[in-house]
PDB file of N, CA and C in Angstrom:
ATOM      1  N   MET A   1      84.623 115.496  97.127  1.00  0.00           N
ATOM      2  CA  MET A   1      85.844 114.826  97.522  1.00  0.00           C
ATOM      3  C   MET A   1      87.035 115.524  96.866  1.00  0.00           C
ATOM      4  N   ASN A   2      88.129 115.604  97.578  1.00  0.00           N
ATOM      5  CA  ASN A   2      89.338 116.233  97.064  1.00  0.00           C
ATOM      6  C   ASN A   2      90.145 115.196  96.296  1.00  0.00           C
ATOM      7  N   ASP A   3      90.148 115.317  94.970  1.00  0.00           N
ATOM      8  CA  ASP A   3      90.807 114.360  94.087  1.00  0.00           C
ATOM      9  C   ASP A   3      92.306 114.277  94.356  1.00  0.00           C
ATOM     10  N   ALA A   4      92.940 115.418  94.538  1.00  0.00           N
ATOM     11  CA  ALA A   4      94.388 115.437  94.767  1.00  0.00           C
ATOM     12  C   ALA A   4      94.743 114.738  96.076  1.00  0.00           C
ATOM     13  N   ALA A   5      93.957 114.958  97.107  1.00  0.00           N
ATOM     14  CA  ALA A   5      94.212 114.319  98.406  1.00  0.00           C
ATOM     15  C   ALA A   5      94.039 112.801  98.300  1.00  0.00           C
ATOM     16  N   LEU A   6      93.038 112.357  97.574  1.00  0.00           N
ATOM     17  CA  LEU A   6      92.820 110.924  97.391  1.00  0.00           C
ATOM     18  C   LEU A   6      93.997 110.294  96.645  1.00  0.00           C
ATOM     19  N   ARG A   7      94.426 110.939  95.576  1.00  0.00           N
ATOM     20  CA  ARG A   7      95.557 110.414  94.806  1.00  0.00           C
ATOM     21  C   ARG A   7      96.820 110.338  95.664  1.00  0.00           C
ATOM     22  N   LYS A   8      97.079 111.364  96.455  1.00  0.00           N
ATOM     23  CA  LYS A   8      98.249 111.357  97.330  1.00  0.00           C
ATOM     24  C   LYS A   8      98.144 110.212  98.342  1.00  0.00           C
ATOM     25  N   HIS A   9      96.977 110.031  98.904  1.00  0.00           N
ATOM     26  CA  HIS A   9      96.790 108.965  99.894  1.00  0.00           C
ATOM     27  C   HIS A   9      97.022 107.585  99.262  1.00  0.00           C
ATOM     28  N   VAL A  10      96.494 107.353  98.069  1.00  0.00           N
ATOM     29  CA  VAL A  10      96.694 106.069  97.390  1.00  0.00           C
ATOM     30  C   VAL A  10      98.184 105.854  97.103  1.00  0.00           C
ATOM     31  N   ILE A  11      98.873 106.876  96.666  1.00  0.00           N
ATOM     32  CA  ILE A  11     100.314 106.765  96.394  1.00  0.00           C
ATOM     33  C   ILE A  11     101.070 106.457  97.679  1.00  0.00           C
ATOM     34  N   ASP A  12     100.719 107.110  98.769  1.00  0.00           N
ATOM     35  CA  ASP A  12     101.357 106.819 100.059  1.00  0.00           C
ATOM     36  C   ASP A  12     101.129 105.365 100.454  1.00  0.00           C
ATOM     37  N   LEU A  13      99.939 104.851 100.223  1.00  0.00           N
ATOM     38  CA  LEU A  13      99.645 103.446 100.537  1.00  0.00           C
ATOM     39  C   LEU A  13     100.474 102.510  99.661  1.00  0.00           C
ATOM     40  N   LEU A  14     100.589 102.845  98.378  1.00  0.00           N
ATOM     41  CA  LEU A  14     101.373 102.009  97.464  1.00  0.00           C
ATOM     42  C   LEU A  14     102.848 101.963  97.867  1.00  0.00           C
ATOM     43  N   LYS A  15     103.379 103.087  98.256  1.00  0.00           N
ATOM     44  CA  LYS A  15     104.799 103.148  98.607  1.00  0.00           C
ATOM     45  C   LYS A  15     105.075 102.563  99.986  1.00  0.00           C
ATOM     46  N   GLY A  16     104.071 102.597 100.867  1.00  0.00           N
ATOM     47  CA  GLY A  16     104.215 101.996 102.183  1.00  0.00           C
ATOM     48  C   GLY A  16     105.147 102.762 103.093  1.00  0.00           C
ATOM     49  N   GLY A  17     105.424 102.139 104.236  1.00  0.00           N
ATOM     50  CA  GLY A  17     106.379 102.703 105.164  1.00  0.00           C
ATOM     51  C   GLY A  17     105.783 103.423 106.355  1.00  0.00           C
ATOM     52  N   SER A  18     104.487 103.634 106.380  1.00  0.00           N
ATOM     53  CA  SER A  18     103.905 104.379 107.494  1.00  0.00           C
ATOM     54  C   SER A  18     104.182 103.701 108.831  1.00  0.00           C
ATOM     55  N   ALA A  19     103.704 102.498 108.981  1.00  0.00           N
ATOM     56  CA  ALA A  19     103.902 101.773 110.240  1.00  0.00           C
ATOM     57  C   ALA A  19     104.840 100.580 110.066  1.00  0.00           C
ATOM     58  N   HIS A  20     105.280 100.347 108.850  1.00  0.00           N
ATOM     59  CA  HIS A  20     106.110  99.183 108.555  1.00  0.00           C
ATOM     60  C   HIS A  20     107.278  99.606 107.664  1.00  0.00           C
ATOM     61  N   VAL A  21     108.262  98.743 107.585  1.00  0.00           N
ATOM     62  CA  VAL A  21     109.389  99.001 106.691  1.00  0.00           C
ATOM     63  C   VAL A  21     108.875  98.997 105.246  1.00  0.00           C
ATOM     64  N   GLN A  22     109.435  99.864 104.422  1.00  0.00           N
ATOM     65  CA  GLN A  22     109.054  99.865 103.017  1.00  0.00           C
ATOM     66  C   GLN A  22     109.563  98.591 102.365  1.00  0.00           C
ATOM     67  N   PHE A  23     108.815  98.082 101.420  1.00  0.00           N
ATOM     68  CA  PHE A  23     109.127  96.819 100.757  1.00  0.00           C
ATOM     69  C   PHE A  23     110.537  96.821 100.183  1.00  0.00           C
ATOM     70  N   MET A  24     110.893  97.877  99.464  1.00  0.00           N
ATOM     71  CA  MET A  24     112.203  97.931  98.830  1.00  0.00           C
ATOM     72  C   MET A  24     113.326  97.987  99.867  1.00  0.00           C
ATOM     73  N   ASP A  25     113.096  98.631 100.992  1.00  0.00           N
ATOM     74  CA  ASP A  25     114.105  98.666 102.056  1.00  0.00           C
ATOM     75  C   ASP A  25     114.322  97.275 102.643  1.00  0.00           C
ATOM     76  N   ALA A  26     113.263  96.507 102.758  1.00  0.00           N
ATOM     77  CA  ALA A  26     113.381  95.150 103.285  1.00  0.00           C
ATOM     78  C   ALA A  26     114.195  94.266 102.346  1.00  0.00           C
ATOM     79  N   LEU A  27     114.109  94.526 101.063  1.00  0.00           N
ATOM     80  CA  LEU A  27     114.839  93.721 100.082  1.00  0.00           C
ATOM     81  C   LEU A  27     116.305  94.114  99.968  1.00  0.00           C
ATOM     82  N   GLU A  28     116.599  95.355 100.286  1.00  0.00           N
ATOM     83  CA  GLU A  28     117.935  95.903 100.052  1.00  0.00           C
ATOM     84  C   GLU A  28     119.052  95.082 100.694  1.00  0.00           C
ATOM     85  N   GLU A  29     118.867  94.666 101.910  1.00  0.00           N
ATOM     86  CA  GLU A  29     119.922  93.929 102.617  1.00  0.00           C
ATOM     87  C   GLU A  29     119.542  92.468 102.840  1.00  0.00           C
ATOM     88  N   PHE A  30     118.618  91.948 102.037  1.00  0.00           N
ATOM     89  CA  PHE A  30     118.186  90.560 102.226  1.00  0.00           C
ATOM     90  C   PHE A  30     119.383  89.647 101.950  1.00  0.00           C
ATOM     91  N   PRO A  31     119.778  88.814 102.913  1.00  0.00           N
ATOM     92  CA  PRO A  31     120.984  87.995 102.748  1.00  0.00           C
ATOM     93  C   PRO A  31     120.883  87.027 101.565  1.00  0.00           C
ATOM     94  N   LEU A  32     121.919  87.022 100.766  1.00  0.00           N
ATOM     95  CA  LEU A  32     121.970  86.159  99.591  1.00  0.00           C
ATOM     96  C   LEU A  32     121.727  84.694  99.951  1.00  0.00           C
ATOM     97  N   ASN A  33     122.311  84.240 101.043  1.00  0.00           N
ATOM     98  CA  ASN A  33     122.192  82.831 101.425  1.00  0.00           C
ATOM     99  C   ASN A  33     120.864  82.484 102.083  1.00  0.00           C
ATOM    100  N   LYS A  34     119.987  83.450 102.286  1.00  0.00           N
ATOM    101  CA  LYS A  34     118.681  83.195 102.920  1.00  0.00           C
ATOM    102  C   LYS A  34     117.509  83.338 101.946  1.00  0.00           C
ATOM    103  N   ARG A  35     117.771  83.729 100.720  1.00  0.00           N
ATOM    104  CA  ARG A  35     116.703  84.038  99.769  1.00  0.00           C
ATOM    105  C   ARG A  35     115.834  82.841  99.432  1.00  0.00           C
ATOM    106  N   GLY A  36     116.386  81.655  99.462  1.00  0.00           N
ATOM    107  CA  GLY A  36     115.627  80.459  99.119  1.00  0.00           C
ATOM    108  C   GLY A  36     115.417  79.520 100.285  1.00  0.00           C
ATOM    109  N   THR A  37     115.588  80.021 101.519  1.00  0.00           N
ATOM    110  CA  THR A  37     115.418  79.149 102.688  1.00  0.00           C
ATOM    111  C   THR A  37     114.137  79.488 103.425  1.00  0.00           C
ATOM    112  N   PHE A  38     113.580  78.469 104.059  1.00  0.00           N
ATOM    113  CA  PHE A  38     112.364  78.625 104.845  1.00  0.00           C
ATOM    114  C   PHE A  38     112.741  78.964 106.286  1.00  0.00           C
ATOM    115  N   ALA A  39     112.215  80.038 106.819  1.00  0.00           N
ATOM    116  CA  ALA A  39     112.406  80.349 108.238  1.00  0.00           C
ATOM    117  C   ALA A  39     111.506  79.403 109.034  1.00  0.00           C
ATOM    118  N   PRO A  40     111.934  79.001 110.213  1.00  0.00           N
ATOM    119  CA  PRO A  40     111.130  78.075 111.017  1.00  0.00           C
ATOM    120  C   PRO A  40     109.692  78.564 111.200  1.00  0.00           C
ATOM    121  N   GLY A  41     108.763  77.701 110.849  1.00  0.00           N
ATOM    122  CA  GLY A  41     107.345  78.001 111.024  1.00  0.00           C
ATOM    123  C   GLY A  41     106.703  78.813 109.920  1.00  0.00           C
ATOM    124  N   LEU A  42     107.480  79.229 108.930  1.00  0.00           N
ATOM    125  CA  LEU A  42     106.910  80.037 107.849  1.00  0.00           C
ATOM    126  C   LEU A  42     106.783  79.203 106.575  1.00  0.00           C
ATOM    127  N   PRO A  43     105.685  79.383 105.837  1.00  0.00           N
ATOM    128  CA  PRO A  43     105.427  78.536 104.670  1.00  0.00           C
ATOM    129  C   PRO A  43     106.119  78.972 103.379  1.00  0.00           C
ATOM    130  N   HIS A  44     106.731  80.171 103.363  1.00  0.00           N
ATOM    131  CA  HIS A  44     107.317  80.677 102.118  1.00  0.00           C
ATOM    132  C   HIS A  44     108.711  81.236 102.360  1.00  0.00           C
ATOM    133  N   THR A  45     109.535  81.163 101.326  1.00  0.00           N
ATOM    134  CA  THR A  45     110.873  81.743 101.372  1.00  0.00           C
ATOM    135  C   THR A  45     110.813  83.215 100.963  1.00  0.00           C
ATOM    136  N   GLY A  46     111.919  83.918 101.169  1.00  0.00           N
ATOM    137  CA  GLY A  46     111.993  85.304 100.714  1.00  0.00           C
ATOM    138  C   GLY A  46     111.782  85.419  99.225  1.00  0.00           C
ATOM    139  N   TRP A  47     112.368  84.487  98.470  1.00  0.00           N
ATOM    140  CA  TRP A  47     112.193  84.485  97.012  1.00  0.00           C
ATOM    141  C   TRP A  47     110.731  84.298  96.631  1.00  0.00           C
ATOM    142  N   GLN A  48     110.071  83.370  97.267  1.00  0.00           N
ATOM    143  CA  GLN A  48     108.669  83.125  96.932  1.00  0.00           C
ATOM    144  C   GLN A  48     107.814  84.350  97.233  1.00  0.00           C
ATOM    145  N   LEU A  49     108.091  85.020  98.343  1.00  0.00           N
ATOM    146  CA  LEU A  49     107.316  86.212  98.693  1.00  0.00           C
ATOM    147  C   LEU A  49     107.597  87.370  97.742  1.00  0.00           C
ATOM    148  N   LEU A  50     108.866  87.542  97.375  1.00  0.00           N
ATOM    149  CA  LEU A  50     109.219  88.581  96.408  1.00  0.00           C
ATOM    150  C   LEU A  50     108.509  88.337  95.082  1.00  0.00           C
ATOM    151  N   GLU A  51     108.611  87.131  94.577  1.00  0.00           N
ATOM    152  CA  GLU A  51     107.988  86.814  93.287  1.00  0.00           C
ATOM    153  C   GLU A  51     106.468  86.921  93.360  1.00  0.00           C
ATOM    154  N   HIS A  52     105.881  86.483  94.465  1.00  0.00           N
ATOM    155  CA  HIS A  52     104.429  86.597  94.634  1.00  0.00           C
ATOM    156  C   HIS A  52     104.002  88.071  94.586  1.00  0.00           C
ATOM    157  N   ALA A  53     104.731  88.920  95.308  1.00  0.00           N
ATOM    158  CA  ALA A  53     104.414  90.356  95.308  1.00  0.00           C
ATOM    159  C   ALA A  53     104.614  90.959  93.918  1.00  0.00           C
ATOM    160  N   ARG A  54     105.694  90.571  93.248  1.00  0.00           N
ATOM    161  CA  ARG A  54     105.969  91.097  91.904  1.00  0.00           C
ATOM    162  C   ARG A  54     104.875  90.697  90.925  1.00  0.00           C
ATOM    163  N   ILE A  55     104.518  89.425  90.924  1.00  0.00           N
ATOM    164  CA  ILE A  55     103.509  88.932  89.981  1.00  0.00           C
ATOM    165  C   ILE A  55     102.155  89.568  90.259  1.00  0.00           C
ATOM    166  N   ALA A  56     101.759  89.637  91.538  1.00  0.00           N
ATOM    167  CA  ALA A  56     100.459  90.221  91.882  1.00  0.00           C
ATOM    168  C   ALA A  56     100.402  91.703  91.508  1.00  0.00           C
ATOM    169  N   GLN A  57     101.482  92.427  91.791  1.00  0.00           N
ATOM    170  CA  GLN A  57     101.513  93.853  91.441  1.00  0.00           C
ATOM    171  C   GLN A  57     101.469  94.039  89.932  1.00  0.00           C
ATOM    172  N   TRP A  58     102.258  93.247  89.192  1.00  0.00           N
ATOM    173  CA  TRP A  58     102.240  93.320  87.731  1.00  0.00           C
ATOM    174  C   TRP A  58     100.819  93.089  87.210  1.00  0.00           C
ATOM    175  N   ASP A  59     100.134  92.097  87.766  1.00  0.00           N
ATOM    176  CA  ASP A  59      98.774  91.770  87.346  1.00  0.00           C
ATOM    177  C   ASP A  59      97.831  92.957  87.570  1.00  0.00           C
ATOM    178  N   ILE A  60      97.958  93.607  88.710  1.00  0.00           N
ATOM    179  CA  ILE A  60      97.099  94.756  89.017  1.00  0.00           C
ATOM    180  C   ILE A  60      97.393  95.918  88.065  1.00  0.00           C
ATOM    181  N   VAL A  61      98.674  96.168  87.790  1.00  0.00           N
ATOM    182  CA  VAL A  61      99.038  97.240  86.868  1.00  0.00           C
ATOM    183  C   VAL A  61      98.462  96.954  85.482  1.00  0.00           C
ATOM    184  N   GLU A  62      98.666  95.741  84.996  1.00  0.00           N
ATOM    185  CA  GLU A  62      98.169  95.400  83.650  1.00  0.00           C
ATOM    186  C   GLU A  62      96.645  95.469  83.585  1.00  0.00           C
ATOM    187  N   PHE A  63      95.967  94.972  84.613  1.00  0.00           N
ATOM    188  CA  PHE A  63      94.508  95.051  84.668  1.00  0.00           C
ATOM    189  C   PHE A  63      94.053  96.507  84.647  1.00  0.00           C
ATOM    190  N   SER A  64      94.790  97.360  85.345  1.00  0.00           N
ATOM    191  CA  SER A  64      94.429  98.779  85.421  1.00  0.00           C
ATOM    192  C   SER A  64      94.640  99.512  84.101  1.00  0.00           C
ATOM    193  N   ARG A  65      95.578  99.026  83.289  1.00  0.00           N
ATOM    194  CA  ARG A  65      95.871  99.660  81.996  1.00  0.00           C
ATOM    195  C   ARG A  65      95.090  99.061  80.843  1.00  0.00           C
ATOM    196  N   ASN A  66      94.706  97.811  80.981  1.00  0.00           N
ATOM    197  CA  ASN A  66      94.165  97.080  79.832  1.00  0.00           C
ATOM    198  C   ASN A  66      92.982  96.221  80.264  1.00  0.00           C
ATOM    199  N   THR A  67      91.805  96.598  79.820  1.00  0.00           N
ATOM    200  CA  THR A  67      90.603  95.846  80.204  1.00  0.00           C
ATOM    201  C   THR A  67      90.584  94.443  79.597  1.00  0.00           C
ATOM    202  N   GLN A  68      91.436  94.177  78.609  1.00  0.00           N
ATOM    203  CA  GLN A  68      91.506  92.857  77.982  1.00  0.00           C
ATOM    204  C   GLN A  68      92.547  91.951  78.653  1.00  0.00           C
ATOM    205  N   HIS A  69      93.236  92.462  79.656  1.00  0.00           N
ATOM    206  CA  HIS A  69      94.280  91.684  80.338  1.00  0.00           C
ATOM    207  C   HIS A  69      93.685  90.422  80.970  1.00  0.00           C
ATOM    208  N   VAL A  70      94.402  89.327  80.833  1.00  0.00           N
ATOM    209  CA  VAL A  70      93.998  88.060  81.444  1.00  0.00           C
ATOM    210  C   VAL A  70      94.981  87.743  82.558  1.00  0.00           C
ATOM    211  N   SER A  71      94.465  87.620  83.750  1.00  0.00           N
ATOM    212  CA  SER A  71      95.296  87.329  84.919  1.00  0.00           C
ATOM    213  C   SER A  71      95.780  85.887  84.898  1.00  0.00           C
ATOM    214  N   PRO A  72      96.903  85.630  85.578  1.00  0.00           N
ATOM    215  CA  PRO A  72      97.365  84.232  85.694  1.00  0.00           C
ATOM    216  C   PRO A  72      96.355  83.398  86.465  1.00  0.00           C
ATOM    217  N   GLY A  73      96.449  82.088  86.299  1.00  0.00           N
ATOM    218  CA  GLY A  73      95.588  81.201  87.074  1.00  0.00           C
ATOM    219  C   GLY A  73      95.885  81.344  88.557  1.00  0.00           C
ATOM    220  N   PHE A  74      94.857  81.179  89.373  1.00  0.00           N
ATOM    221  CA  PHE A  74      95.030  81.339  90.813  1.00  0.00           C
ATOM    222  C   PHE A  74      94.851  80.006  91.513  1.00  0.00           C
ATOM    223  N   PRO A  75      95.709  79.686  92.435  1.00  0.00           N
ATOM    224  CA  PRO A  75      96.833  80.474  92.949  1.00  0.00           C
ATOM    225  C   PRO A  75      98.170  80.188  92.250  1.00  0.00           C
ATOM    226  N   GLU A  76      98.221  79.128  91.445  1.00  0.00           N
ATOM    227  CA  GLU A  76      99.499  78.661  90.895  1.00  0.00           C
ATOM    228  C   GLU A  76     100.237  79.714  90.070  1.00  0.00           C
ATOM    229  N   GLY A  77      99.515  80.599  89.410  1.00  0.00           N
ATOM    230  CA  GLY A  77     100.151  81.606  88.570  1.00  0.00           C
ATOM    231  C   GLY A  77     100.771  82.762  89.333  1.00  0.00           C
ATOM    232  N   TYR A  78     100.559  82.786  90.638  1.00  0.00           N
ATOM    233  CA  TYR A  78     101.058  83.892  91.453  1.00  0.00           C
ATOM    234  C   TYR A  78     102.244  83.500  92.334  1.00  0.00           C
ATOM    235  N   TRP A  79     102.735  82.289  92.168  1.00  0.00           N
ATOM    236  CA  TRP A  79     103.852  81.809  92.985  1.00  0.00           C
ATOM    237  C   TRP A  79     104.925  81.200  92.099  1.00  0.00           C
ATOM    238  N   PRO A  80     106.211  81.405  92.456  1.00  0.00           N
ATOM    239  CA  PRO A  80     107.282  80.781  91.679  1.00  0.00           C
ATOM    240  C   PRO A  80     107.290  79.271  91.901  1.00  0.00           C
ATOM    241  N   LYS A  81     107.874  78.563  90.963  1.00  0.00           N
ATOM    242  CA  LYS A  81     107.907  77.091  91.036  1.00  0.00           C
ATOM    243  C   LYS A  81     108.999  76.574  91.969  1.00  0.00           C
ATOM    244  N   THR A  82     109.995  77.407  92.266  1.00  0.00           N
ATOM    245  CA  THR A  82     111.125  76.969  93.082  1.00  0.00           C
ATOM    246  C   THR A  82     111.205  77.793  94.365  1.00  0.00           C
ATOM    247  N   PRO A  83     111.814  77.246  95.416  1.00  0.00           N
ATOM    248  CA  PRO A  83     111.935  78.003  96.666  1.00  0.00           C
ATOM    249  C   PRO A  83     112.944  79.142  96.599  1.00  0.00           C
ATOM    250  N   GLY A  84     113.885  79.067  95.649  1.00  0.00           N
ATOM    251  CA  GLY A  84     114.898  80.114  95.559  1.00  0.00           C
ATOM    252  C   GLY A  84     115.144  80.524  94.132  1.00  0.00           C
ATOM    253  N   PRO A  85     115.742  81.698  93.943  1.00  0.00           N
ATOM    254  CA  PRO A  85     116.073  82.142  92.592  1.00  0.00           C
ATOM    255  C   PRO A  85     117.198  81.296  92.018  1.00  0.00           C
ATOM    256  N   ALA A  86     117.240  81.195  90.706  1.00  0.00           N
ATOM    257  CA  ALA A  86     118.293  80.424  90.041  1.00  0.00           C
ATOM    258  C   ALA A  86     119.650  81.116  90.166  1.00  0.00           C
ATOM    259  N   SER A  87     119.623  82.438  90.347  1.00  0.00           N
ATOM    260  CA  SER A  87     120.874  83.193  90.423  1.00  0.00           C
ATOM    261  C   SER A  87     120.617  84.523  91.118  1.00  0.00           C
ATOM    262  N   GLU A  88     121.689  85.179  91.469  1.00  0.00           N
ATOM    263  CA  GLU A  88     121.572  86.512  92.033  1.00  0.00           C
ATOM    264  C   GLU A  88     120.959  87.465  91.012  1.00  0.00           C
ATOM    265  N   ALA A  89     121.287  87.255  89.738  1.00  0.00           N
ATOM    266  CA  ALA A  89     120.738  88.095  88.666  1.00  0.00           C
ATOM    267  C   ALA A  89     119.217  87.948  88.581  1.00  0.00           C
ATOM    268  N   GLU A  90     118.713  86.743  88.798  1.00  0.00           N
ATOM    269  CA  GLU A  90     117.254  86.538  88.759  1.00  0.00           C
ATOM    270  C   GLU A  90     116.580  87.295  89.901  1.00  0.00           C
ATOM    271  N   TRP A  91     117.180  87.253  91.091  1.00  0.00           N
ATOM    272  CA  TRP A  91     116.664  88.022  92.234  1.00  0.00           C
ATOM    273  C   TRP A  91     116.661  89.515  91.886  1.00  0.00           C
ATOM    274  N   ASP A  92     117.792  90.008  91.390  1.00  0.00           N
ATOM    275  CA  ASP A  92     117.918  91.428  91.055  1.00  0.00           C
ATOM    276  C   ASP A  92     116.900  91.851  90.001  1.00  0.00           C
ATOM    277  N   LYS A  93     116.676  91.004  89.014  1.00  0.00           N
ATOM    278  CA  LYS A  93     115.695  91.306  87.967  1.00  0.00           C
ATOM    279  C   LYS A  93     114.289  91.411  88.556  1.00  0.00           C
ATOM    280  N   SER A  94     113.960  90.520  89.470  1.00  0.00           N
ATOM    281  CA  SER A  94     112.651  90.544  90.101  1.00  0.00           C
ATOM    282  C   SER A  94     112.465  91.816  90.927  1.00  0.00           C
ATOM    283  N   VAL A  95     113.501  92.194  91.681  1.00  0.00           N
ATOM    284  CA  VAL A  95     113.445  93.431  92.472  1.00  0.00           C
ATOM    285  C   VAL A  95     113.257  94.635  91.548  1.00  0.00           C
ATOM    286  N   GLN A  96     114.018  94.691  90.465  1.00  0.00           N
ATOM    287  CA  GLN A  96     113.917  95.807  89.518  1.00  0.00           C
ATOM    288  C   GLN A  96     112.539  95.863  88.866  1.00  0.00           C
ATOM    289  N   GLN A  97     111.982  94.708  88.532  1.00  0.00           N
ATOM    290  CA  GLN A  97     110.656  94.673  87.916  1.00  0.00           C
ATOM    291  C   GLN A  97     109.581  95.118  88.899  1.00  0.00           C
ATOM    292  N   PHE A  98     109.740  94.712  90.174  1.00  0.00           N
ATOM    293  CA  PHE A  98     108.792  95.160  91.195  1.00  0.00           C
ATOM    294  C   PHE A  98     108.805  96.685  91.278  1.00  0.00           C
ATOM    295  N   GLN A  99     110.001  97.281  91.341  1.00  0.00           N
ATOM    296  CA  GLN A  99     110.113  98.738  91.437  1.00  0.00           C
ATOM    297  C   GLN A  99     109.544  99.408  90.187  1.00  0.00           C
ATOM    298  N   HIS A 100     109.826  98.844  89.029  1.00  0.00           N
ATOM    299  CA  HIS A 100     109.312  99.406  87.780  1.00  0.00           C
ATOM    300  C   HIS A 100     107.784  99.404  87.779  1.00  0.00           C
ATOM    301  N   ASP A 101     107.189  98.287  88.147  1.00  0.00           N
ATOM    302  CA  ASP A 101     105.726  98.200  88.146  1.00  0.00           C
ATOM    303  C   ASP A 101     105.111  99.105  89.214  1.00  0.00           C
ATOM    304  N   LEU A 102     105.793  99.256  90.351  1.00  0.00           N
ATOM    305  CA  LEU A 102     105.316 100.193  91.365  1.00  0.00           C
ATOM    306  C   LEU A 102     105.319 101.613  90.797  1.00  0.00           C
ATOM    307  N   ASP A 103     106.388 101.975  90.109  1.00  0.00           N
ATOM    308  CA  ASP A 103     106.460 103.296  89.482  1.00  0.00           C
ATOM    309  C   ASP A 103     105.353 103.475  88.439  1.00  0.00           C
ATOM    310  N   GLU A 104     105.075 102.420  87.688  1.00  0.00           N
ATOM    311  CA  GLU A 104     103.995 102.473  86.682  1.00  0.00           C
ATOM    312  C   GLU A 104     102.644 102.722  87.359  1.00  0.00           C
ATOM    313  N   MET A 105     102.380 102.031  88.466  1.00  0.00           N
ATOM    314  CA  MET A 105     101.103 102.200  89.170  1.00  0.00           C
ATOM    315  C   MET A 105     101.005 103.598  89.765  1.00  0.00           C
ATOM    316  N   VAL A 106     102.089 104.078  90.347  1.00  0.00           N
ATOM    317  CA  VAL A 106     102.090 105.445  90.881  1.00  0.00           C
ATOM    318  C   VAL A 106     101.799 106.442  89.755  1.00  0.00           C
ATOM    319  N   GLY A 107     102.394 106.218  88.589  1.00  0.00           N
ATOM    320  CA  GLY A 107     102.125 107.081  87.445  1.00  0.00           C
ATOM    321  C   GLY A 107     100.660 107.068  87.037  1.00  0.00           C
ATOM    322  N   LEU A 108     100.043 105.888  87.065  1.00  0.00           N
ATOM    323  CA  LEU A 108      98.612 105.805  86.747  1.00  0.00           C
ATOM    324  C   LEU A 108      97.779 106.590  87.748  1.00  0.00           C
ATOM    325  N   VAL A 109      98.108 106.466  89.022  1.00  0.00           N
ATOM    326  CA  VAL A 109      97.357 107.162  90.066  1.00  0.00           C
ATOM    327  C   VAL A 109      97.557 108.673  89.962  1.00  0.00           C
ATOM    328  N   LYS A 110      98.766 109.097  89.653  1.00  0.00           N
ATOM    329  CA  LYS A 110      99.054 110.531  89.525  1.00  0.00           C
ATOM    330  C   LYS A 110      98.335 111.158  88.335  1.00  0.00           C
ATOM    331  N   ASN A 111      98.077 110.373  87.312  1.00  0.00           N
ATOM    332  CA  ASN A 111      97.461 110.879  86.088  1.00  0.00           C
ATOM    333  C   ASN A 111      96.008 111.270  86.357  1.00  0.00           C
ATOM    334  N   SER A 112      95.702 112.538  86.225  1.00  0.00           N
ATOM    335  CA  SER A 112      94.345 113.022  86.515  1.00  0.00           C
ATOM    336  C   SER A 112      93.296 112.430  85.579  1.00  0.00           C
ATOM    337  N   ARG A 113      93.729 111.869  84.461  1.00  0.00           N
ATOM    338  CA  ARG A 113      92.770 111.227  83.541  1.00  0.00           C
ATOM    339  C   ARG A 113      92.402 109.814  84.000  1.00  0.00           C
ATOM    340  N   THR A 114      93.149 109.272  84.957  1.00  0.00           N
ATOM    341  CA  THR A 114      92.833 107.940  85.469  1.00  0.00           C
ATOM    342  C   THR A 114      91.664 108.041  86.425  1.00  0.00           C
ATOM    343  N   ASP A 115      90.603 107.311  86.140  1.00  0.00           N
ATOM    344  CA  ASP A 115      89.427 107.280  86.994  1.00  0.00           C
ATOM    345  C   ASP A 115      89.681 106.268  88.119  1.00  0.00           C
ATOM    346  N   LEU A 116      89.884 106.783  89.322  1.00  0.00           N
ATOM    347  CA  LEU A 116      90.187 105.904  90.456  1.00  0.00           C
ATOM    348  C   LEU A 116      88.966 105.111  90.933  1.00  0.00           C
ATOM    349  N   PHE A 117      87.800 105.450  90.433  1.00  0.00           N
ATOM    350  CA  PHE A 117      86.582 104.769  90.864  1.00  0.00           C
ATOM    351  C   PHE A 117      86.052 103.782  89.834  1.00  0.00           C
ATOM    352  N   TRP A 118      86.736 103.641  88.718  1.00  0.00           N
ATOM    353  CA  TRP A 118      86.293 102.739  87.668  1.00  0.00           C
ATOM    354  C   TRP A 118      86.423 101.318  88.085  1.00  0.00           C
TER     355      TRP A 118
END
């Protein structure tokens, strides 16, 4: 198996965008007044989905770096308690943390010492 090709493919999957909009692009213009509202027929708000993705990604990164990592309780530990962020700053912090953790995971995958099959 070609290790470099596998690593590139995993990174492409993490970054997304092949057939869908990239996650960060979808967040870029997300309307401030819609972040905590439910769209008709949908069970979660934009804030809840952002936080769910951030928490789940953080959990995967920590698990990948630390075999002693303890994941949050499921499912309650993977969802925010409120439908919307308390402030624009809270939304921005969550977006920044998501990007940071994505960069951390990409770094792990790029590292040839990381065993992708472990």
